[in-house]
C-alpha cells in the first residue's frame, strides 16, 4: 500500500453541496481516503476524499468478506471521534457491533506506524465507550479486554410490538394476547417494571394454565439473556453528545424462533432515539428563530451497523427494519444518520439500497450482489459502476464511491486505520 505517487492538499468533499463547502470549507468533514489515479494493485493516489459528517446521511458500505468493509466502518468512526469540538459536541455515535471487533479502537495501530506516516497520520487510540452484554462482562474483565461496562435495556422501554416480535407471537394468538395484556397492565400499574413484575402479572391474568405457563417460561428464559435491567440507563442516554458508544451485540442470538435479540436491541434504540430527536428538532427550530443558533440538549445521532442485512432483511418482517426504515425515509429532518455495512446486498431491504446517498463499494464478486446494486444504481453512474466493480483490483481498501450530492463516481483508496483493526481472520499460525 505504498502507491502514494501524487500527494497534494487538493480535496473533494462528498456528501456536501458546493455552496456549503464555500461557506464552511472542510469543517465537519472526515478524511476517508484518496482518489485513485492509476490502475493496478498499487495505484498512484491523488486528491484527498473528505466526507461530510455534519449533516444527515445514509451511507451504504458494501464488499465481500475480507476486502475492507469493517475496516472502512472503523475509519468513519475514527473521523467522527476526531471532529472538532464545535461539531463533535453536537453529535453522538452508536456502533452496533455484530462481530465484537470494535473494542480495539481503544488501541493505537503501532504496527503500521510507517504507513500512517506516509499518509500524514500517526497511531492513535480513541476514547470510545465499549458496552458488552452483562453476562459476558466477567469474561472480558478476566482477560483484560478493555471494556467500560455492560449494556442493558429497561423492560418498560419495549412496547407490545417488540415483546411479541421477540417471542414470535401473534397478537391474535392466546399467548400473544396474554403477553400484550400483561405488558399494558405493567405499564399502567408499575411503570418501570422488571421481568418478575411481568411474570407475576401473567400469573394473575384470566387465561388457561397452559397458556400462562407458556408465556411465563418465555419471560423466565429472557431473564437469562443479560439484556434486561430495570435500573439500566434510558436508551436515549446511549446517545450523549460527544460520545462514541460501541454496543457489542455479537453474543446475542435468536429467541424462541422469533426476532433475534439484537434486532430488538436495534429496534428499541432506534425507536426511542427517533422519537426524542423528532421532539428536540422542534426545540432547535425555535432556538434558530430566536437566536440564529439551532441547538438543543439532544445531539444529532449517527448509528453505524455492521452486517446490516440482519436488521434490514429482504423478504421478511423485522421490528428493526421498520424502525430503520423510518430513519432512512425521514431521518434527514431530525438529524439522524445511518451507516449500513453488508457483504450480502442481495439480502438487504430495498429501502437501504435505494435511499443511500453515499455508497462505498469494495470488491463484489457475487452475481446476485452485483445485480442487486446495478438495478438501483443512480443515473449519473451510467455503465461506469459495472466497469469499476468488474475491474477493481483484489487489493484491500480499494473501493468505488458514489455520491448523490456531487453526482459523481470515484475509485478511491481508504486511508489506513489510526487505531488497531480487530477484523482480521483468526489463524492457528503464530510466529515461533
Protein backbone atom coordinates (compact mmCIF):
# COMPACT_ATOMS: atom_id res chain seq x y z
CA UNK A 1 0.00 0.00 0.00
CA UNK A 2 2.83 2.38 -0.93
CA UNK A 3 1.45 3.88 -4.15
CA UNK A 4 1.48 7.49 -2.96
CA UNK A 5 2.87 8.83 -6.21
CA UNK A 6 0.95 12.10 -6.09
CA UNK A 7 0.14 13.85 -2.86
CA UNK A 8 -1.44 17.28 -2.67
CA UNK A 9 -3.61 19.42 -0.47
CA UNK A 10 -6.39 19.33 -3.06
CA UNK A 11 -9.55 17.63 -1.93
CA UNK A 12 -13.04 16.63 -2.91
CA UNK A 13 -15.87 16.66 -0.37
CA UNK A 14 -18.54 14.01 -0.84
CA UNK A 15 -21.99 14.40 0.65
CA UNK A 16 -21.78 18.20 0.85
CA UNK A 17 -23.16 20.79 -1.55
CA UNK A 18 -20.62 23.15 -3.17
CA UNK A 19 -22.41 26.12 -1.59
CA UNK A 20 -21.85 24.62 1.88
CA UNK A 21 -18.19 23.96 1.05
CA UNK A 22 -17.81 27.61 0.06
CA UNK A 23 -19.35 28.76 3.34
CA UNK A 24 -17.87 26.29 5.83
CA UNK A 25 -14.91 24.79 3.96
CA UNK A 26 -13.89 21.39 5.31
CA UNK A 27 -15.10 21.91 8.89
CA UNK A 28 -17.18 18.94 9.97
CA UNK A 29 -15.70 16.55 7.40
CA UNK A 30 -13.71 13.34 7.80
CA UNK A 31 -10.67 12.09 5.90
CA UNK A 32 -11.87 8.94 4.13
CA UNK A 33 -9.05 8.28 1.65
CA UNK A 34 -7.61 9.43 -1.68
CA UNK A 35 -8.68 9.29 -5.30
CA UNK A 36 -7.06 6.51 -7.34
CA UNK A 37 -5.27 7.87 -10.44
CA UNK A 38 -3.86 4.70 -12.00
CA UNK A 39 -4.73 1.04 -12.41
CA UNK A 40 -3.20 -1.99 -10.73
CA UNK A 41 -2.86 -3.34 -7.22
CA UNK A 42 -0.59 -0.48 -6.09
CA UNK A 43 -2.08 2.60 -7.79
CA UNK A 44 -0.95 6.20 -7.73
CA UNK A 45 -3.11 8.29 -5.43
CA UNK A 46 -4.22 11.87 -5.77
CA UNK A 47 -6.65 14.22 -4.07
CA UNK A 48 -7.97 13.69 -0.57
CA UNK A 49 -11.51 12.37 -0.31
CA UNK A 50 -13.34 14.06 2.56
CA UNK A 51 -16.83 13.05 3.64
CA UNK A 52 -19.39 15.35 5.20
CA UNK A 53 -20.14 14.35 8.81
CA UNK A 54 -22.01 17.45 9.93
CA UNK A 55 -25.36 16.71 8.29
CA UNK A 56 -27.55 13.63 7.94
CA UNK A 57 -26.66 10.85 5.52
CA UNK A 58 -27.47 7.24 4.70
CA UNK A 59 -24.14 5.61 3.82
CA UNK A 60 -24.02 2.08 2.43
CA UNK A 61 -20.70 0.17 2.73
CA UNK A 62 -20.51 -2.98 0.62
CA UNK A 63 -17.98 -5.69 -0.07
CA UNK A 64 -17.26 -9.37 0.16
CA UNK A 65 -15.66 -10.74 3.28
CA UNK A 66 -12.08 -9.65 3.84
CA UNK A 67 -11.93 -6.68 1.45
CA UNK A 68 -12.26 -3.73 3.81
CA UNK A 69 -15.92 -3.33 4.72
CA UNK A 70 -15.47 -3.34 8.51
CA UNK A 71 -12.17 -1.50 8.10
CA UNK A 72 -13.97 1.37 6.36
CA UNK A 73 -16.53 1.47 9.17
CA UNK A 74 -13.64 1.88 11.60
CA UNK A 75 -12.23 4.77 9.56
CA UNK A 76 -15.61 6.54 9.63
CA UNK A 77 -15.88 6.05 13.40
CA UNK A 78 -12.34 7.42 13.87
CA UNK A 79 -13.25 10.50 11.87
CA UNK A 80 -16.48 11.05 13.80
CA UNK A 81 -14.50 10.78 17.03
CA UNK A 82 -11.92 13.29 15.68
CA UNK A 83 -14.34 16.07 14.73
CA UNK A 84 -13.61 19.49 16.21
CA UNK A 85 -15.38 20.16 19.49
CA UNK A 86 -17.82 22.63 17.92
CA UNK A 87 -19.18 19.77 15.76
CA UNK A 88 -18.49 16.77 18.00
CA UNK A 89 -20.39 18.37 20.90
CA UNK A 90 -23.49 18.32 18.70
CA UNK A 91 -23.03 14.71 17.62
CA UNK A 92 -23.48 11.26 19.19
CA UNK A 93 -22.29 7.98 17.68
CA UNK A 94 -23.66 4.49 18.36
CA UNK A 95 -21.88 1.50 16.82
CA UNK A 96 -23.86 -1.75 16.68
CA UNK A 97 -21.01 -4.27 16.77
CA UNK A 98 -22.29 -7.62 15.50
CA UNK A 99 -18.87 -9.31 15.44
CA UNK A 100 -17.28 -7.96 18.64
CA UNK A 101 -14.32 -6.23 17.00
CA UNK A 102 -14.64 -2.50 17.61
CA UNK A 103 -13.27 -2.53 21.16
CA UNK A 104 -9.82 -2.49 19.52
CA UNK A 105 -10.38 1.18 18.62
CA UNK A 106 -9.04 1.95 22.08
CA UNK A 107 -5.60 0.65 20.99
CA UNK A 108 -3.19 2.61 18.70
CA UNK A 109 -2.22 0.95 15.39
CA UNK A 110 1.53 0.95 16.05
CA UNK A 111 2.11 -1.97 13.66
CA UNK A 112 1.50 0.40 10.70
CA UNK A 113 3.32 3.41 12.05
CA UNK A 114 5.40 3.92 8.88
CA UNK A 115 2.41 3.55 6.57
CA UNK A 116 0.41 6.02 8.62
CA UNK A 117 3.31 8.48 8.42
CA UNK A 118 3.16 8.36 4.61
CA UNK A 119 -0.50 9.37 4.84
CA UNK A 120 0.28 12.20 7.25
CA UNK A 121 -1.23 10.31 10.18
CA UNK A 122 0.01 8.62 13.34
CA UNK A 123 -1.12 5.73 15.57
CA UNK A 124 -3.88 6.73 17.96
CA UNK A 125 -6.32 5.08 20.31
CA UNK A 126 -9.80 6.58 20.62
CA UNK A 127 -11.99 7.34 23.59
CA UNK A 128 -14.82 5.00 22.66
CA UNK A 129 -17.06 3.53 25.33
CA UNK A 130 -17.40 -0.23 24.86
CA UNK A 131 -20.50 -1.85 26.37
CA UNK A 132 -20.95 -5.63 26.38
CA UNK A 133 -23.82 -7.93 27.46
CA UNK A 134 -23.99 -8.18 31.24
CA UNK A 135 -23.40 -11.93 31.24
CA UNK A 136 -20.14 -11.63 29.29
CA UNK A 137 -18.65 -8.78 31.33
CA UNK A 138 -16.73 -11.09 33.76
CA UNK A 139 -15.00 -12.81 30.81
CA UNK A 140 -13.83 -9.50 29.33
CA UNK A 141 -12.54 -8.32 32.71
CA UNK A 142 -10.78 -11.63 33.46
CA UNK A 143 -8.75 -11.46 30.23
CA UNK A 144 -8.02 -7.74 30.41
CA UNK A 145 -10.09 -6.82 27.36
CA UNK A 146 -10.76 -3.08 27.69
CA UNK A 147 -14.48 -2.53 28.16
CA UNK A 148 -16.34 0.18 30.04
CA UNK A 149 -19.40 -1.59 31.35
CA UNK A 150 -22.44 -3.55 30.33
CA UNK A 151 -25.33 -2.73 28.04
CA UNK A 152 -28.89 -3.34 29.14
CA UNK A 153 -32.41 -2.17 28.35
CA UNK A 154 -35.26 -1.40 30.70
CA UNK A 155 -38.08 -3.89 30.04
CA UNK A 156 -40.53 -0.99 30.20
CA UNK A 157 -38.94 0.54 27.10
CA UNK A 158 -40.17 -2.34 24.94
CA UNK A 159 -43.64 -1.85 23.53
CA UNK A 160 -46.13 -4.59 22.75
CA UNK A 161 -44.76 -4.90 19.21
CA UNK A 162 -41.21 -5.56 20.44
CA UNK A 163 -42.31 -8.11 23.04
CA UNK A 164 -44.41 -10.03 20.54
CA UNK A 165 -41.64 -9.91 17.94
CA UNK A 166 -39.06 -11.10 20.44
CA UNK A 167 -41.03 -14.27 21.13
CA UNK A 168 -42.53 -14.69 17.65
CA UNK A 169 -46.06 -14.38 18.98
CA UNK A 170 -49.08 -13.11 17.08
CA UNK A 171 -51.43 -10.68 18.79
CA UNK A 172 -54.37 -12.84 17.71
CA UNK A 173 -52.97 -15.94 19.42
CA UNK A 174 -53.83 -16.79 23.04
CA UNK A 175 -50.21 -16.42 24.19
CA UNK A 176 -49.71 -13.20 22.24
CA UNK A 177 -52.92 -11.67 23.58
CA UNK A 178 -51.97 -12.64 27.13
CA UNK A 179 -48.46 -11.15 26.83
CA UNK A 180 -49.79 -7.95 25.27
CA UNK A 181 -52.33 -7.57 28.07
CA UNK A 182 -49.66 -8.15 30.70
CA UNK A 183 -47.36 -5.52 29.13
CA UNK A 184 -50.16 -2.93 29.05
CA UNK A 185 -51.07 -3.66 32.69
CA UNK A 186 -47.41 -3.47 33.77
CA UNK A 187 -47.03 -0.11 32.04
CA UNK A 188 -50.18 1.19 33.71
CA UNK A 189 -49.76 -0.16 37.25
CA UNK A 190 -46.00 -0.49 37.73
CA UNK A 191 -44.35 1.90 35.26
CA UNK A 192 -40.66 0.97 35.30
CA UNK A 193 -41.33 -2.75 35.66
CA UNK A 194 -38.92 -5.70 35.62
CA UNK A 195 -39.41 -9.20 34.26
CA UNK A 196 -40.51 -10.53 37.63
CA UNK A 197 -43.34 -7.99 37.62
CA UNK A 198 -44.36 -9.16 34.15
CA UNK A 199 -44.27 -12.83 35.17
CA UNK A 200 -46.38 -12.06 38.24
CA UNK A 201 -48.97 -10.18 36.19
CA UNK A 202 -49.14 -13.03 33.65
CA UNK A 203 -49.89 -15.42 36.51
CA UNK A 204 -52.73 -13.22 37.77
CA UNK A 205 -54.47 -12.80 34.41
CA UNK A 206 -57.54 -14.68 33.23
CA UNK A 207 -56.18 -17.36 30.89
CA UNK A 208 -55.72 -21.12 30.76
CA UNK A 209 -52.88 -22.54 32.91
CA UNK A 210 -51.19 -23.91 29.78
CA UNK A 211 -51.05 -20.51 28.08
CA UNK A 212 -49.91 -18.72 31.23
CA UNK A 213 -47.17 -21.30 31.75
CA UNK A 214 -46.03 -20.92 28.13
CA UNK A 215 -45.70 -17.12 28.39
CA UNK A 216 -44.10 -17.27 31.84
CA UNK A 217 -41.47 -19.73 30.59
CA UNK A 218 -40.53 -17.34 27.77
CA UNK A 219 -40.17 -14.45 30.19
CA UNK A 220 -38.16 -16.59 32.63
CA UNK A 221 -35.79 -17.54 29.83
CA UNK A 222 -35.41 -13.87 28.90
CA UNK A 223 -34.05 -13.22 32.40
CA UNK A 224 -31.02 -15.36 31.50
CA UNK A 225 -30.05 -13.28 28.46
CA UNK A 226 -28.47 -10.50 30.47
CA UNK A 227 -30.27 -7.90 28.36
CA UNK A 228 -32.97 -6.56 30.67
CA UNK A 229 -32.39 -4.43 33.77
CA UNK A 230 -34.96 -2.01 35.21
CA UNK A 231 -32.07 0.11 36.54
CA UNK A 232 -30.35 0.44 33.14
CA UNK A 233 -29.95 3.92 31.65
CA UNK A 234 -32.81 5.11 29.45
CA UNK A 235 -31.93 4.19 25.87
CA UNK A 236 -31.62 7.82 24.78
CA UNK A 237 -28.75 8.20 27.26
CA UNK A 238 -26.64 6.00 24.96
CA UNK A 239 -26.81 8.93 22.53
CA UNK A 240 -24.98 11.51 24.62
CA UNK A 241 -23.34 14.48 22.94
CA UNK A 242 -19.72 13.88 22.01
CA UNK A 243 -19.84 10.20 22.94
CA UNK A 244 -18.96 7.19 20.79
CA UNK A 245 -20.70 4.13 22.26
CA UNK A 246 -19.83 0.69 20.90
CA UNK A 247 -22.61 -1.74 21.78
CA UNK A 248 -21.39 -5.32 21.41
CA UNK A 249 -24.34 -7.50 20.38
CA UNK A 250 -22.19 -10.31 18.98
CA UNK A 251 -23.23 -12.84 21.62
CA UNK A 252 -26.97 -12.17 21.36
CA UNK A 253 -28.71 -14.79 19.24
CA UNK A 254 -32.29 -15.74 18.40
CA UNK A 255 -35.11 -16.15 20.87
CA UNK A 256 -37.84 -18.82 20.60
CA UNK A 257 -37.68 -18.73 16.82
CA UNK A 258 -38.68 -15.06 16.76
CA UNK A 259 -36.77 -11.86 16.14
CA UNK A 260 -33.17 -12.13 17.20
CA UNK A 261 -32.36 -10.37 20.46
CA UNK A 262 -30.03 -7.98 18.64
CA UNK A 263 -32.84 -6.98 16.27
CA UNK A 264 -34.87 -5.95 19.29
CA UNK A 265 -31.87 -4.03 20.69
CA UNK A 266 -31.62 -2.03 17.46
CA UNK A 267 -35.40 -1.57 17.28
CA UNK A 268 -35.65 -0.16 20.81
CA UNK A 269 -32.60 2.08 20.47
CA UNK A 270 -33.68 3.33 17.06
CA UNK A 271 -37.30 3.93 18.08
CA UNK A 272 -36.53 5.85 21.28
CA UNK A 273 -33.80 7.99 19.67
CA UNK A 274 -36.06 8.73 16.69
CA UNK A 275 -38.87 9.89 18.97
CA UNK A 276 -36.52 12.04 21.05
CA UNK A 277 -34.87 13.68 18.05
CA UNK A 278 -38.23 14.49 16.48
CA UNK A 279 -39.17 16.36 19.66
CA UNK A 280 -35.89 18.21 20.08
CA UNK A 281 -35.72 19.21 16.41
CA UNK A 282 -38.69 21.45 17.15
CA UNK A 283 -36.78 22.99 20.07
CA UNK A 284 -33.84 23.66 17.74
CA UNK A 285 -36.04 25.39 15.21
CA UNK A 286 -37.47 27.64 17.92
CA UNK A 287 -33.93 28.48 19.05
CA UNK A 288 -32.90 29.22 15.48
CA UNK A 289 -35.83 31.63 15.10
CA UNK A 290 -34.89 33.42 18.34
CA UNK A 291 -31.09 33.38 18.33
CA UNK A 292 -29.94 32.06 14.95
CA UNK A 293 -28.35 29.03 16.68
CA UNK A 294 -30.27 25.72 16.25
CA UNK A 295 -29.09 23.98 19.44
CA UNK A 296 -30.77 21.69 21.97
CA UNK A 297 -29.93 19.13 24.66
CA UNK A 298 -30.30 16.22 22.24
CA UNK A 299 -27.43 15.79 19.74
CA UNK A 300 -27.61 14.65 16.14
CA UNK A 301 -27.11 10.88 16.06
CA UNK A 302 -25.11 8.55 13.85
CA UNK A 303 -25.91 4.85 14.09
CA UNK A 304 -23.36 2.53 12.49
CA UNK A 305 -24.40 -1.08 11.89
CA UNK A 306 -22.24 -3.94 10.63
CA UNK A 307 -23.92 -6.95 8.97
CA UNK A 308 -26.89 -4.67 8.31
CA UNK A 309 -28.77 -7.28 6.25
CA UNK A 310 -29.54 -8.97 9.58
CA UNK A 311 -31.52 -5.90 10.66
CA UNK A 312 -32.99 -4.82 7.32
CA UNK A 313 -33.67 -8.17 5.65
CA UNK A 314 -35.27 -8.53 2.26
CA UNK A 315 -38.44 -10.60 2.14
CA UNK A 316 -39.32 -10.92 5.82
CA UNK A 317 -40.67 -8.76 8.62
CA UNK A 318 -38.39 -7.33 11.26
CA UNK A 319 -39.04 -4.95 14.13
CA UNK A 320 -35.63 -3.39 13.44
CA UNK A 321 -36.36 -2.94 9.73
CA UNK A 322 -39.48 -0.92 10.42
CA UNK A 323 -37.60 1.44 12.73
CA UNK A 324 -34.54 1.82 10.50
CA UNK A 325 -36.78 2.47 7.50
CA UNK A 326 -38.15 5.48 9.40
CA UNK A 327 -34.57 6.70 9.93
CA UNK A 328 -33.89 6.30 6.22
CA UNK A 329 -37.05 7.97 4.95
CA UNK A 330 -37.34 10.95 7.29
CA UNK A 331 -34.11 10.97 9.32
CA UNK A 332 -32.62 13.93 7.47
CA UNK A 333 -35.05 16.41 9.05
CA UNK A 334 -34.45 15.43 12.71
CA UNK A 335 -30.72 14.82 12.16
CA UNK A 336 -30.40 11.03 12.13
CA UNK A 337 -27.71 9.29 10.08
CA UNK A 338 -27.20 5.62 9.27
CA UNK A 339 -24.09 3.81 8.10
CA UNK A 340 -25.06 0.31 6.96
CA UNK A 341 -22.44 -2.28 6.03
CA UNK A 342 -23.13 -5.66 4.45
CA UNK A 343 -21.47 -8.41 2.45
CA UNK A 344 -24.87 -9.66 1.26
CA UNK A 345 -26.52 -6.79 -0.58
CA UNK A 346 -28.91 -9.20 -2.27
CA UNK A 347 -30.41 -9.88 1.17
CA UNK A 348 -30.87 -6.20 2.05
CA UNK A 349 -34.16 -4.35 2.05
CA UNK A 350 -34.63 -2.12 -0.98
CA UNK A 351 -35.08 0.92 1.30
CA UNK A 352 -31.48 0.66 2.47
CA UNK A 353 -30.14 0.45 -1.09
CA UNK A 354 -32.29 2.95 -2.97
CA UNK A 355 -32.20 5.69 -0.32
CA UNK A 356 -28.45 5.68 0.34
CA UNK A 357 -26.91 8.99 -0.74
CA UNK A 358 -23.30 7.72 -0.41
CA UNK A 359 -22.31 4.21 -1.46
CA UNK A 360 -18.83 2.79 -0.81
CA UNK A 361 -18.42 -0.47 -2.70
CA UNK A 362 -15.41 -2.68 -2.02
CA UNK A 363 -14.75 -5.78 -4.09
CA UNK A 364 -18.00 -7.57 -5.02
CA UNK A 365 -17.96 -10.83 -6.97
CA UNK A 366 -21.35 -12.44 -6.31
CA UNK A 367 -23.58 -12.15 -9.37
CA UNK A 368 -26.63 -11.61 -7.15
CA UNK A 369 -24.93 -8.78 -5.25
CA UNK A 370 -23.74 -7.03 -8.42
CA UNK A 371 -27.18 -7.45 -9.96
CA UNK A 372 -28.88 -6.00 -6.85
CA UNK A 373 -26.61 -2.95 -6.82
CA UNK A 374 -26.75 -2.38 -10.57
CA UNK A 375 -30.55 -2.49 -10.52
CA UNK A 376 -30.71 0.60 -8.30
CA UNK A 377 -27.63 2.48 -9.48
CA UNK A 378 -28.20 6.21 -9.93
CA UNK A 379 -28.48 7.53 -13.47
CA UNK A 380 -25.28 9.57 -13.16
CA UNK A 381 -23.31 6.34 -12.63
CA UNK A 382 -24.21 5.05 -16.09
CA UNK A 383 -22.25 1.98 -17.09
CA UNK A 384 -19.19 3.12 -15.17
CA UNK A 385 -20.36 1.40 -11.99
CA UNK A 386 -20.37 -2.06 -13.59
CA UNK A 387 -16.99 -1.32 -15.18
CA UNK A 388 -15.40 -0.18 -11.93
CA UNK A 389 -16.79 -3.10 -9.93
CA UNK A 390 -15.63 -5.58 -12.56
CA UNK A 391 -12.08 -4.19 -12.78
CA UNK A 392 -11.47 -3.25 -9.13
CA UNK A 393 -8.16 -4.88 -8.12
CA UNK A 394 -8.02 -7.51 -5.37
CA UNK A 395 -6.13 -5.14 -3.06
CA UNK A 396 -7.95 -4.49 0.19
CA UNK A 397 -9.02 -0.92 0.79
CA UNK A 398 -9.86 -0.01 -2.81
CA UNK A 399 -13.48 0.96 -3.35
CA UNK A 400 -15.92 2.55 -5.77
CA UNK A 401 -17.60 5.57 -4.22
CA UNK A 402 -20.88 7.04 -5.48
CA UNK A 403 -22.04 10.41 -4.18
CA UNK A 404 -25.57 11.67 -4.84
CA UNK A 405 -24.74 15.26 -3.92
CA UNK A 406 -21.93 15.74 -6.46
CA UNK A 407 -23.42 13.05 -8.73
CA UNK A 408 -20.00 11.56 -9.36
CA UNK A 409 -18.39 8.13 -9.18
CA UNK A 410 -14.87 7.81 -7.81
CA UNK A 411 -12.40 4.97 -7.34
CA UNK A 412 -10.72 5.59 -4.00
CA UNK A 413 -8.32 4.04 -1.59
CA UNK A 414 -9.49 4.14 2.00
CA UNK A 415 -6.87 5.56 4.35
CA UNK A 416 -5.15 3.30 6.92
CA UNK A 417 -6.61 2.99 10.38
CA UNK A 418 -5.04 5.01 13.20
CA UNK A 419 -6.41 2.53 15.75
CA UNK A 420 -6.00 -1.23 15.80
CA UNK A 421 -8.25 -3.07 13.36
CA UNK A 422 -9.94 -6.02 15.04
CA UNK A 423 -11.50 -7.54 11.94
CA UNK A 424 -8.71 -9.81 10.81
CA UNK A 425 -9.26 -13.56 10.38
CA UNK A 426 -8.35 -15.95 13.19
CA UNK A 427 -5.43 -18.25 12.42
CA UNK A 428 -3.65 -21.20 14.02
CA UNK A 429 -0.29 -19.89 12.74
CA UNK A 430 1.90 -17.96 15.17
CA UNK A 431 5.47 -16.70 14.99
CA UNK A 432 7.94 -19.14 16.56
